[in-house]
């Protein structure tokens, strides 16, 4: 069954269900018809017994008085009159003088009407149904037995059974054809979506599956698939933008590096000029290395592969490590660099990654900010906030909303050649720890960027 098309499977399931319904319905109707025929036969026997009781109730009357066949039809019905001892007083042909009631049935019939069935009787080769009722005749207690063959009932049931055996398969075939057509109509929209899906590719952005307005599972499936296509298209566009931006950012330092090397080769007339060219080349190489590392980190985070080694960290030690790393740059730039943290305050995280994020923030503050650069940590509502502030002009309000997007740079960053990945990496590391990153204006008026981490 699993190899069959859905339309065929639905049709087979529908046919099996319809076969069960038709079989159950036919059995029910056959049983009910048999019950109604039996009740009708018992009713006829009761009426015949009442009529014959009136006829033979007089001492001079006899069952043979019904010579016209008003109550007894030759070959179809019969009657017998017996006394309380079971002796036959009167009987119709061809029963003869033999009693047809057993002793138990006779005893019960003397107290009230008794129905019984017989597979065969003398002179009758067909099954029959009989009714024994008590009556009084000239002071004697007698039992009147009337009966009739059940051949009509059997013939009626046989005829009905033949009709069911003919009409049932025809109805099943017709119902299966209808089910096949309905399944085809229901799956037509699915096939239309399949054909459209076969034409959608990366070269056809914006294409969507046709969604029928049927308010059923097919419509919900189409809407779900269109939503998936939209997400895939957005992801593909992000990847394309990422590759394009990465290529652009890599091209600039490579071009500068090539230029420096060519100038050193052609115009390096002294050792001092060569050393200066080598120094600038090293700076561009460092920039290339940092950019490559940043791109690898972002690519790994997109694939859910940013590994973390979380542990209990002393916040003050983490901030001091970052300060020691950038102390020479701060001293060279004449910028104070301080760390402020409550003693023994601990946070949970990956020390290497958090130091990388804070290092990016300190690097930005030293490059684009002014005055003292302060690293601080506070706890707010069971969360730890790692802040880096400076005393410069701060962020432009329009830039804050998109500060953490990749390759997004402010005007100052563009002028200095930044790649626009520092804050994006900070956000990536914060999210990997189950937190986020935020930016705003410090109380001193400068920039304030911080990581929010679970404490």
Protein backbone atom coordinates (compact mmCIF):
# COMPACT_ATOMS: atom_id res chain seq x y z
CA UNK A 1 0.00 0.00 0.00
CA UNK A 2 2.84 2.42 0.76
CA UNK A 3 4.00 2.18 -2.86
CA UNK A 4 0.63 3.17 -4.27
CA UNK A 5 -0.18 6.81 -5.09
CA UNK A 6 -2.15 8.70 -2.48
CA UNK A 7 -5.17 8.82 -4.77
CA UNK A 8 -5.17 5.02 -5.11
CA UNK A 9 -4.66 4.54 -1.37
CA UNK A 10 -7.53 6.87 -0.56
CA UNK A 11 -9.74 5.04 -3.06
CA UNK A 12 -8.84 1.62 -1.61
CA UNK A 13 -9.46 2.83 1.93
CA UNK A 14 -12.76 4.37 0.84
CA UNK A 15 -13.76 1.14 -0.94
CA UNK A 16 -12.94 -0.98 2.13
CA UNK A 17 -14.87 1.36 4.38
CA UNK A 18 -17.82 1.40 1.97
CA UNK A 19 -17.72 -2.41 1.70
CA UNK A 20 -17.91 -2.66 5.48
CA UNK A 21 -20.79 -0.17 5.57
CA UNK A 22 -22.70 -1.96 2.80
CA UNK A 23 -22.13 -5.36 4.40
CA UNK A 24 -23.27 -4.12 7.78
CA UNK A 25 -26.28 -2.35 6.31
CA UNK A 26 -27.25 -5.40 4.24
CA UNK A 27 -26.95 -7.70 7.25
CA UNK A 28 -29.03 -5.35 9.34
CA UNK A 29 -31.75 -5.06 6.68
CA UNK A 30 -31.74 -8.83 6.10
CA UNK A 31 -32.11 -9.50 9.83
CA UNK A 32 -34.82 -6.89 10.22
CA UNK A 33 -36.75 -8.24 7.24
CA UNK A 34 -36.59 -11.77 8.65
CA UNK A 35 -37.81 -10.49 12.01
CA UNK A 36 -40.70 -8.57 10.42
CA UNK A 37 -41.72 -11.60 8.32
CA UNK A 38 -41.67 -13.79 11.42
CA UNK A 39 -43.80 -11.27 13.32
CA UNK A 40 -46.21 -11.08 10.37
CA UNK A 41 -46.50 -14.89 10.25
CA UNK A 42 -47.15 -15.03 13.99
CA UNK A 43 -49.80 -12.35 13.59
CA UNK A 44 -51.48 -14.30 10.81
CA UNK A 45 -51.47 -17.45 12.97
CA UNK A 46 -53.04 -15.51 15.85
CA UNK A 47 -55.86 -14.20 13.63
CA UNK A 48 -56.42 -17.64 12.15
CA UNK A 49 -56.52 -19.19 15.63
CA UNK A 50 -59.13 -16.65 16.77
CA UNK A 51 -61.30 -17.34 13.72
CA UNK A 52 -61.03 -21.12 14.05
CA UNK A 53 -61.71 -20.92 17.79
CA UNK A 54 -65.04 -19.31 17.01
CA UNK A 55 -65.69 -21.92 14.28
CA UNK A 56 -64.93 -25.05 16.32
CA UNK A 57 -66.16 -23.66 19.64
CA UNK A 58 -69.56 -25.26 19.07
CA UNK A 59 -69.86 -28.98 19.71
CA UNK A 60 -71.35 -29.60 16.27
CA UNK A 61 -68.64 -27.68 14.41
CA UNK A 62 -65.67 -29.32 12.75
CA UNK A 63 -62.39 -28.20 11.13
CA UNK A 64 -63.67 -29.76 7.94
CA UNK A 65 -66.44 -27.10 7.86
CA UNK A 66 -63.82 -24.76 6.37
CA UNK A 67 -64.25 -26.41 3.03
CA UNK A 68 -63.88 -23.13 1.18
CA UNK A 69 -60.35 -22.67 2.46
CA UNK A 70 -61.11 -19.42 4.21
CA UNK A 71 -58.89 -20.35 7.16
CA UNK A 72 -56.97 -23.41 6.03
CA UNK A 73 -55.17 -23.37 2.67
CA UNK A 74 -54.35 -26.82 1.35
CA UNK A 75 -50.61 -27.37 1.27
CA UNK A 76 -49.90 -24.02 2.99
CA UNK A 77 -51.58 -24.24 6.40
CA UNK A 78 -53.04 -26.79 8.76
CA UNK A 79 -54.99 -27.13 12.03
CA UNK A 80 -55.46 -29.76 14.74
CA UNK A 81 -57.69 -29.99 17.76
CA UNK A 82 -56.45 -32.10 20.71
CA UNK A 83 -57.76 -32.78 24.20
CA UNK A 84 -55.85 -32.31 27.41
CA UNK A 85 -54.39 -35.81 27.19
CA UNK A 86 -52.92 -35.16 23.73
CA UNK A 87 -55.45 -37.22 21.79
CA UNK A 88 -56.38 -35.75 18.42
CA UNK A 89 -60.03 -34.78 18.24
CA UNK A 90 -59.98 -33.25 14.80
CA UNK A 91 -57.28 -32.52 12.20
CA UNK A 92 -56.96 -31.23 8.68
CA UNK A 93 -55.33 -33.18 5.89
CA UNK A 94 -52.68 -34.40 5.66
CA UNK A 95 -51.74 -34.34 9.37
CA UNK A 96 -53.64 -37.50 10.17
CA UNK A 97 -54.31 -38.62 13.76
CA UNK A 98 -50.83 -38.15 15.14
CA UNK A 99 -50.40 -35.27 17.65
CA UNK A 100 -47.91 -32.58 16.67
CA UNK A 101 -47.45 -31.10 20.15
CA UNK A 102 -45.08 -32.54 22.72
CA UNK A 103 -46.25 -33.13 26.27
CA UNK A 104 -44.48 -30.01 27.50
CA UNK A 105 -45.93 -27.86 24.74
CA UNK A 106 -49.40 -29.29 25.40
CA UNK A 107 -49.14 -28.54 29.11
CA UNK A 108 -48.02 -24.97 28.36
CA UNK A 109 -50.74 -24.51 25.72
CA UNK A 110 -53.45 -25.40 28.26
CA UNK A 111 -52.34 -22.34 30.25
CA UNK A 112 -51.89 -19.91 27.34
CA UNK A 113 -50.84 -19.41 23.71
CA UNK A 114 -47.62 -21.16 22.71
CA UNK A 115 -45.61 -20.61 19.49
CA UNK A 116 -43.34 -23.32 18.10
CA UNK A 117 -41.45 -24.15 14.94
CA UNK A 118 -41.23 -27.46 13.14
CA UNK A 119 -38.66 -28.42 10.47
CA UNK A 120 -41.12 -30.93 8.99
CA UNK A 121 -44.56 -32.46 9.58
CA UNK A 122 -46.42 -35.50 8.13
CA UNK A 123 -47.47 -34.58 4.62
CA UNK A 124 -45.43 -31.36 4.66
CA UNK A 125 -41.79 -31.32 3.63
CA UNK A 126 -41.32 -27.65 4.43
CA UNK A 127 -40.53 -25.92 7.71
CA UNK A 128 -43.57 -24.46 9.45
CA UNK A 129 -44.63 -22.28 12.33
CA UNK A 130 -47.53 -23.19 14.65
CA UNK A 131 -49.59 -21.61 17.42
CA UNK A 132 -51.35 -23.62 20.13
CA UNK A 133 -54.15 -21.86 22.06
CA UNK A 134 -56.56 -23.20 24.72
CA UNK A 135 -60.33 -23.20 24.24
CA UNK A 136 -63.45 -24.73 25.80
CA UNK A 137 -65.94 -26.78 23.89
CA UNK A 138 -68.97 -28.21 25.68
CA UNK A 139 -67.23 -28.02 29.04
CA UNK A 140 -64.09 -29.73 27.77
CA UNK A 141 -60.69 -28.09 27.76
CA UNK A 142 -59.11 -28.49 24.36
CA UNK A 143 -56.11 -27.10 22.54
CA UNK A 144 -56.38 -25.69 19.03
CA UNK A 145 -53.22 -25.89 16.96
CA UNK A 146 -52.96 -23.78 13.82
CA UNK A 147 -49.89 -23.62 11.63
CA UNK A 148 -48.54 -22.51 8.30
CA UNK A 149 -45.43 -23.18 6.28
CA UNK A 150 -42.63 -20.61 6.39
CA UNK A 151 -41.82 -21.12 2.75
CA UNK A 152 -43.04 -17.65 1.79
CA UNK A 153 -40.75 -16.15 4.40
CA UNK A 154 -37.80 -18.20 3.14
CA UNK A 155 -38.52 -17.26 -0.48
CA UNK A 156 -38.81 -13.58 0.40
CA UNK A 157 -35.50 -13.65 2.28
CA UNK A 158 -33.81 -15.55 -0.54
CA UNK A 159 -35.05 -13.01 -3.08
CA UNK A 160 -33.86 -10.13 -0.89
CA UNK A 161 -30.49 -11.83 -0.42
CA UNK A 162 -30.04 -12.19 -4.19
CA UNK A 163 -30.86 -8.52 -4.66
CA UNK A 164 -28.28 -7.57 -2.05
CA UNK A 165 -25.62 -9.73 -3.68
CA UNK A 166 -26.29 -8.02 -7.01
CA UNK A 167 -26.89 -4.44 -5.85
CA UNK A 168 -24.13 -4.44 -3.19
CA UNK A 169 -21.15 -4.92 -5.55
CA UNK A 170 -22.64 -2.46 -8.04
CA UNK A 171 -23.05 0.13 -5.30
CA UNK A 172 -19.50 -0.58 -4.09
CA UNK A 173 -18.04 -0.09 -7.59
CA UNK A 174 -19.99 3.14 -8.11
CA UNK A 175 -18.97 4.44 -4.66
CA UNK A 176 -15.31 3.58 -5.36
CA UNK A 177 -15.44 5.46 -8.67
CA UNK A 178 -16.95 8.46 -6.92
CA UNK A 179 -14.27 8.23 -4.24
CA UNK A 180 -11.56 8.06 -6.90
CA UNK A 181 -12.93 11.16 -8.62
CA UNK A 182 -13.30 13.06 -5.34
CA UNK A 183 -9.76 12.11 -4.31
CA UNK A 184 -8.51 13.40 -7.66
CA UNK A 185 -10.37 16.66 -7.22
CA UNK A 186 -9.05 17.05 -3.67
CA UNK A 187 -5.47 16.32 -4.73
CA UNK A 188 -5.61 18.56 -7.81
CA UNK A 189 -4.48 21.52 -5.74
CA UNK A 190 -1.63 19.48 -4.28
CA UNK A 191 -0.52 18.58 -7.80
CA UNK A 192 -0.71 22.23 -8.80
CA UNK A 193 1.52 23.13 -5.86
CA UNK A 194 3.91 20.33 -6.84
CA UNK A 195 4.18 21.63 -10.40
CA UNK A 196 4.82 25.16 -9.19
CA UNK A 197 7.37 23.94 -6.64
CA UNK A 198 9.27 22.18 -9.46
CA UNK A 199 9.78 25.56 -11.17
CA UNK A 200 10.96 27.47 -8.08
CA UNK A 201 14.71 27.91 -7.70
CA UNK A 202 17.23 30.43 -6.46
CA UNK A 203 16.93 32.23 -9.80
CA UNK A 204 13.18 32.83 -9.32
CA UNK A 205 12.89 34.80 -6.09
CA UNK A 206 9.44 35.77 -4.97
CA UNK A 207 7.73 32.74 -6.52
CA UNK A 208 5.16 31.10 -4.25
CA UNK A 209 2.89 28.07 -4.36
CA UNK A 210 -0.76 28.55 -5.34
CA UNK A 211 -2.92 28.30 -2.22
CA UNK A 212 -6.59 27.34 -2.65
CA UNK A 213 -9.01 29.22 -0.39
CA UNK A 214 -10.67 26.04 0.84
CA UNK A 215 -10.17 26.63 4.60
CA UNK A 216 -8.90 23.08 5.04
CA UNK A 217 -5.64 21.15 5.46
CA UNK A 218 -4.59 21.84 1.84
CA UNK A 219 -4.79 25.60 2.38
CA UNK A 220 -2.85 25.34 5.65
CA UNK A 221 -0.22 23.17 3.92
CA UNK A 222 0.19 25.72 1.14
CA UNK A 223 0.51 28.60 3.59
CA UNK A 224 3.07 26.67 5.63
CA UNK A 225 5.15 25.84 2.55
CA UNK A 226 4.99 29.45 1.35
CA UNK A 227 6.18 30.58 4.75
CA UNK A 228 9.06 28.11 4.53
CA UNK A 229 9.94 29.41 1.05
CA UNK A 230 9.94 32.97 2.38
CA UNK A 231 12.30 31.99 5.22
CA UNK A 232 14.60 30.11 2.85
CA UNK A 233 14.61 33.05 0.45
CA UNK A 234 15.46 35.46 3.27
CA UNK A 235 18.24 33.14 4.48
CA UNK A 236 19.61 32.83 0.94
CA UNK A 237 19.55 36.61 0.54
CA UNK A 238 21.38 37.00 3.87
CA UNK A 239 24.02 34.53 2.71
CA UNK A 240 24.41 36.34 -0.60
CA UNK A 241 24.77 39.67 1.18
CA UNK A 242 27.20 38.11 3.60
CA UNK A 243 29.39 36.73 0.81
CA UNK A 244 29.23 40.00 -1.11
CA UNK A 245 30.10 42.11 1.94
CA UNK A 246 32.83 39.71 3.00
CA UNK A 247 34.35 39.83 -0.48
CA UNK A 248 34.23 43.63 -0.43
CA UNK A 249 35.83 43.84 3.01
CA UNK A 250 38.57 41.37 2.08
CA UNK A 251 39.33 43.20 -1.16
CA UNK A 252 40.29 46.48 0.55
CA UNK A 253 43.07 45.21 2.86
CA UNK A 254 44.37 42.92 0.11
CA UNK A 255 44.61 45.87 -2.27
CA UNK A 256 46.37 47.98 0.37
CA UNK A 257 48.75 45.16 1.16
CA UNK A 258 49.60 44.71 -2.51
CA UNK A 259 50.15 48.46 -2.89
CA UNK A 260 52.49 48.61 0.12
CA UNK A 261 54.52 45.69 -1.14
CA UNK A 262 54.79 47.14 -4.66
CA UNK A 263 55.86 50.52 -3.29
CA UNK A 264 58.44 48.85 -1.09
CA UNK A 265 59.74 46.87 -4.06
CA UNK A 266 59.96 49.83 -6.45
CA UNK A 267 60.66 52.81 -4.25
CA UNK A 268 62.14 51.38 -1.05
CA UNK A 269 65.39 53.27 -1.21
CA UNK A 270 66.37 53.03 2.45
CA UNK A 271 66.08 50.59 5.30
CA UNK A 272 63.73 52.97 7.15
CA UNK A 273 61.32 53.12 4.22
CA UNK A 274 61.36 49.33 3.92
CA UNK A 275 60.69 48.94 7.63
CA UNK A 276 57.75 51.37 7.38
CA UNK A 277 56.31 49.44 4.40
CA UNK A 278 56.71 46.17 6.30
CA UNK A 279 55.02 47.68 9.37
CA UNK A 280 52.03 48.86 7.35
CA UNK A 281 51.87 45.47 5.61
CA UNK A 282 51.83 43.74 8.98
CA UNK A 283 48.93 45.96 10.07
CA UNK A 284 46.96 45.02 6.97
CA UNK A 285 47.83 41.36 7.50
CA UNK A 286 46.58 41.56 11.08
CA UNK A 287 43.43 43.17 9.81
CA UNK A 288 42.98 40.36 7.29
CA UNK A 289 43.55 37.74 9.96
CA UNK A 290 41.07 39.36 12.32
CA UNK A 291 38.50 39.70 9.56
CA UNK A 292 38.91 36.04 8.59
CA UNK A 293 38.51 34.97 12.23
CA UNK A 294 35.40 37.13 12.58
CA UNK A 295 33.88 35.68 9.43
CA UNK A 296 34.56 32.12 10.61
CA UNK A 297 32.97 32.86 13.97
CA UNK A 298 29.84 34.30 12.37
CA UNK A 299 29.59 31.42 9.89
CA UNK A 300 29.91 28.89 12.72
CA UNK A 301 27.26 30.68 14.76
CA UNK A 302 24.86 30.64 11.79
CA UNK A 303 25.24 26.85 11.64
CA UNK A 304 24.76 26.48 15.38
CA UNK A 305 28.40 25.45 15.86
CA UNK A 306 29.71 28.16 18.20
CA UNK A 307 31.33 26.05 20.94
CA UNK A 308 31.26 27.34 24.51
CA UNK A 309 33.14 26.17 27.57
CA UNK A 310 31.08 27.68 30.35
CA UNK A 311 32.42 27.94 33.88
CA UNK A 312 32.21 30.10 36.95
CA UNK A 313 34.17 33.29 36.28
CA UNK A 314 35.14 36.10 38.63
CA UNK A 315 33.87 39.21 36.87
CA UNK A 316 36.71 41.41 38.15
CA UNK A 317 39.36 39.03 36.84
CA UNK A 318 37.69 38.92 33.42
CA UNK A 319 37.62 42.73 33.15
CA UNK A 320 41.24 43.05 34.36
CA UNK A 321 42.36 40.55 31.71
CA UNK A 322 40.78 42.70 29.00
CA UNK A 323 42.33 45.85 30.48
CA UNK A 324 45.81 44.27 30.53
CA UNK A 325 45.38 43.22 26.89
CA UNK A 326 44.67 46.77 25.69
CA UNK A 327 46.79 48.67 28.26
CA UNK A 328 49.58 49.43 25.78
CA UNK A 329 47.17 50.84 23.19
CA UNK A 330 45.40 52.97 25.78
CA UNK A 331 48.71 54.27 27.09
CA UNK A 332 49.95 55.00 23.59
CA UNK A 333 46.75 56.90 22.84
CA UNK A 334 46.81 58.73 26.16
CA UNK A 335 43.43 57.27 27.13
CA UNK A 336 42.75 55.98 30.66
CA UNK A 337 41.43 52.40 30.71
CA UNK A 338 39.85 51.25 34.00
CA UNK A 339 37.82 48.28 35.26
CA UNK A 340 35.14 48.52 37.95
CA UNK A 341 33.58 45.34 39.38
CA UNK A 342 32.16 44.32 42.77
CA UNK A 343 34.55 42.04 44.63
CA UNK A 344 33.90 38.29 44.31
CA UNK A 345 31.02 38.79 41.83
CA UNK A 346 30.84 35.67 39.69
CA UNK A 347 29.22 35.04 36.32
CA UNK A 348 28.75 31.90 34.23
CA UNK A 349 30.20 31.88 30.72
CA UNK A 350 33.01 31.07 28.36
CA UNK A 351 35.92 33.25 29.44
CA UNK A 352 37.64 33.24 26.05
CA UNK A 353 34.51 34.25 24.15
CA UNK A 354 33.48 36.90 26.68
CA UNK A 355 36.98 38.35 26.59
CA UNK A 356 36.75 38.45 22.79
CA UNK A 357 33.42 40.31 22.95
CA UNK A 358 34.67 42.80 25.53
CA UNK A 359 37.87 43.21 23.51
CA UNK A 360 35.83 44.22 20.47
CA UNK A 361 33.98 46.81 22.54
CA UNK A 362 37.20 48.21 24.01
CA UNK A 363 38.78 48.30 20.55
CA UNK A 364 35.81 50.30 19.24
CA UNK A 365 35.96 52.66 22.21
CA UNK A 366 39.68 53.31 21.68
CA UNK A 367 39.24 53.78 17.93
CA UNK A 368 36.14 55.92 17.78
CA UNK A 369 35.55 57.22 21.31
CA UNK A 370 37.22 59.77 23.53
CA UNK A 371 38.28 60.15 27.13
CA UNK A 372 38.31 57.38 29.71
CA UNK A 373 37.22 53.89 28.70
CA UNK A 374 35.47 52.12 31.58
CA UNK A 375 34.68 48.43 31.92
CA UNK A 376 32.01 47.68 34.51
CA UNK A 377 29.66 44.94 35.62
CA UNK A 378 26.31 45.19 37.43
CA UNK A 379 23.54 42.72 38.26
CA UNK A 380 19.96 43.55 37.28
CA UNK A 381 17.05 41.15 37.91
CA UNK A 382 19.21 38.02 38.19
CA UNK A 383 21.18 39.00 35.09
CA UNK A 384 24.71 40.26 34.75
CA UNK A 385 25.47 43.27 32.53
CA UNK A 386 29.01 43.79 31.25
CA UNK A 387 29.36 47.46 30.20
CA UNK A 388 32.02 49.28 28.17
CA UNK A 389 31.64 53.07 28.13
CA UNK A 390 33.64 56.03 26.88
CA UNK A 391 33.35 59.82 26.99
CA UNK A 392 33.07 60.56 23.29
CA UNK A 393 30.16 61.80 21.19
CA UNK A 394 28.26 58.51 21.50
CA UNK A 395 26.11 56.79 18.92
CA UNK A 396 23.83 58.49 16.48
CA UNK A 397 20.25 57.52 17.38
CA UNK A 398 19.61 56.28 13.83
CA UNK A 399 22.65 54.00 14.05
CA UNK A 400 21.70 52.40 17.40
CA UNK A 401 18.72 50.57 15.87
CA UNK A 402 21.00 48.69 13.45
CA UNK A 403 24.30 48.80 15.31
CA UNK A 404 24.51 45.01 15.72
CA UNK A 405 23.77 44.16 12.09
CA UNK A 406 26.62 42.69 10.07
CA UNK A 407 28.77 45.07 8.03
CA UNK A 408 26.89 48.03 9.48
CA UNK A 409 29.16 50.98 10.10
CA UNK A 410 28.71 54.51 11.33
CA UNK A 411 30.18 57.43 9.42
CA UNK A 412 33.25 57.50 11.69
CA UNK A 413 33.84 53.78 11.18
CA UNK A 414 33.60 54.11 7.41
CA UNK A 415 36.16 56.90 7.45
CA UNK A 416 38.61 54.73 9.43
CA UNK A 417 38.05 51.60 7.32
CA UNK A 418 36.31 49.36 9.85
CA UNK A 419 34.65 46.17 8.64
CA UNK A 420 31.45 46.56 10.64
CA UNK A 421 31.64 43.11 12.29
CA UNK A 422 32.73 43.96 15.83
CA UNK A 423 29.30 44.61 17.33
CA UNK A 424 27.78 41.76 15.33
CA UNK A 425 30.27 39.37 16.94
CA UNK A 426 29.42 40.79 20.36
CA UNK A 427 25.75 40.06 19.70
CA UNK A 428 26.58 36.53 18.47
CA UNK A 429 28.58 35.72 21.61
CA UNK A 430 25.90 37.14 23.89
CA UNK A 431 23.16 35.11 22.20
CA UNK A 432 25.29 31.96 22.43
CA UNK A 433 25.29 32.50 26.22
CA UNK A 434 21.50 32.86 26.25
CA UNK A 435 21.56 36.66 26.51
CA UNK A 436 21.81 39.63 24.17
CA UNK A 437 23.73 42.82 23.51
CA UNK A 438 22.53 46.43 23.71
CA UNK A 439 23.83 49.87 22.91
CA UNK A 440 22.94 53.34 24.09
CA UNK A 441 24.25 56.58 25.51
CA UNK A 442 26.19 56.64 28.79
CA UNK A 443 25.49 59.07 31.61
CA UNK A 444 28.66 60.90 30.65
CA UNK A 445 27.29 61.37 27.16
CA UNK A 446 29.53 58.86 25.40
CA UNK A 447 28.78 55.44 23.99
CA UNK A 448 27.64 52.62 26.25
CA UNK A 449 27.58 49.05 24.90
CA UNK A 450 26.89 46.07 27.15
CA UNK A 451 26.24 42.35 27.20
CA UNK A 452 23.29 40.97 29.14
CA UNK A 453 24.00 37.44 30.44
CA UNK A 454 22.08 35.02 32.67
CA UNK A 455 23.56 35.30 36.17
